[in-house]
Amino acid sequence: MKKKTNYTWVWIVTNHLWNYPRKLEVVEIGSNISQFTFMDEVHLLRVLGGKLYLIDNQILNLKRWKIGKDKDPYIFIITPLWVHI
């Protein structure tokens, strides 16, 4: 059974993780697919270039949106991941 995303919690956590970017918006665009909108390119680039994020024991896989790619689930099949053994 898929876990349903709590978007209020995602907004609170990402704001804290990303040092409260100005006017961050989180919108659900599909089943467990969200769109994050940043007012400043600086915040966007910092978040995309940052580390791997875990929220509620789930990977937050971030990709920059491109025209024609909305709701394409195959965009999120691969994510960089380091495993420490």
Protein backbone atom coordinates (compact mmCIF):
# COMPACT_ATOMS: atom_id res chain seq x y z
CA MET A 1 0.00 0.00 0.00
CA LYS A 2 1.38 3.38 -1.01
CA LYS A 3 1.88 5.93 1.72
CA LYS A 4 -0.06 9.16 1.07
CA THR A 5 2.01 12.33 1.28
CA ASN A 6 1.12 14.90 3.92
CA TYR A 7 1.77 18.13 2.00
CA THR A 8 1.50 20.38 5.05
CA TRP A 9 4.27 18.35 6.68
CA VAL A 10 6.37 18.45 3.48
CA TRP A 11 6.02 22.24 3.32
CA ILE A 12 7.05 22.66 6.98
CA VAL A 13 10.03 20.29 6.73
CA THR A 14 11.35 21.61 3.41
CA ASN A 15 11.10 25.19 4.59
CA HIS A 16 13.21 24.28 7.61
CA LEU A 17 15.72 22.18 5.61
CA TRP A 18 16.15 24.82 2.94
CA ASN A 19 16.49 27.82 5.31
CA TYR A 20 13.03 29.23 4.62
CA PRO A 21 13.24 30.25 0.95
CA ARG A 22 11.03 33.24 0.21
CA LYS A 23 7.45 32.27 -0.72
CA LEU A 24 8.09 28.56 -1.28
CA GLU A 25 4.99 26.86 -2.67
CA VAL A 26 4.25 23.12 -2.64
CA VAL A 27 1.49 21.81 -4.89
CA GLU A 28 0.37 18.20 -5.43
CA ILE A 29 0.27 17.51 -9.18
CA GLY A 30 -0.20 13.73 -9.04
CA SER A 31 -0.14 10.73 -6.77
CA ASN A 32 2.80 11.48 -4.45
CA ILE A 33 4.22 13.93 -7.02
CA SER A 34 4.70 17.52 -5.90
CA GLN A 35 5.75 20.73 -7.56
CA PHE A 36 7.95 23.08 -5.54
CA THR A 37 7.92 26.68 -6.74
CA PHE A 38 10.73 29.01 -5.69
CA MET A 39 10.59 32.79 -6.05
CA ASP A 40 14.37 33.06 -6.35
CA GLU A 41 16.63 31.14 -8.74
CA VAL A 42 19.33 31.22 -6.04
CA HIS A 43 17.21 29.12 -3.65
CA LEU A 44 16.23 26.72 -6.43
CA LEU A 45 19.83 26.09 -7.49
CA ARG A 46 20.97 25.64 -3.89
CA VAL A 47 18.26 23.03 -3.23
CA LEU A 48 18.83 21.14 -6.50
CA GLY A 49 22.58 21.09 -5.90
CA GLY A 50 22.19 19.97 -2.31
CA LYS A 51 22.24 16.66 -0.58
CA LEU A 52 19.75 13.81 -0.69
CA TYR A 53 16.67 14.64 1.39
CA LEU A 54 14.63 12.18 3.45
CA ILE A 55 11.19 13.18 4.70
CA ASP A 56 9.21 10.75 6.85
CA ASN A 57 11.62 7.94 5.82
CA GLN A 58 10.99 8.57 2.12
CA ILE A 59 13.46 9.94 -0.43
CA LEU A 60 12.57 13.36 -1.75
CA ASN A 61 13.72 12.96 -5.37
CA LEU A 62 14.07 16.41 -6.92
CA LYS A 63 14.17 17.12 -10.64
CA ARG A 64 13.89 20.46 -12.40
CA TRP A 65 10.60 20.68 -14.26
CA LYS A 66 10.69 20.77 -18.06
CA ILE A 67 7.85 21.49 -20.47
CA GLY A 68 6.03 18.28 -21.41
CA LYS A 69 7.33 16.34 -18.40
CA ASP A 70 4.53 17.07 -15.93
CA LYS A 71 3.23 13.90 -14.27
CA ASP A 72 5.75 11.63 -16.06
CA PRO A 73 6.49 8.96 -13.39
CA TYR A 74 9.56 7.65 -15.25
CA ILE A 75 11.48 10.84 -14.47
CA PHE A 76 11.82 9.64 -10.87
CA ILE A 77 13.01 6.07 -11.41
CA ILE A 78 16.70 6.87 -10.80
CA THR A 79 18.13 8.91 -7.96
CA PRO A 80 21.73 9.29 -6.72
CA LEU A 81 22.28 7.44 -3.48
CA TRP A 82 25.30 6.75 -1.31
CA VAL A 83 25.38 3.69 0.93
CA HIS A 84 27.84 3.56 3.81
CA ILE A 85 28.89 0.01 4.73
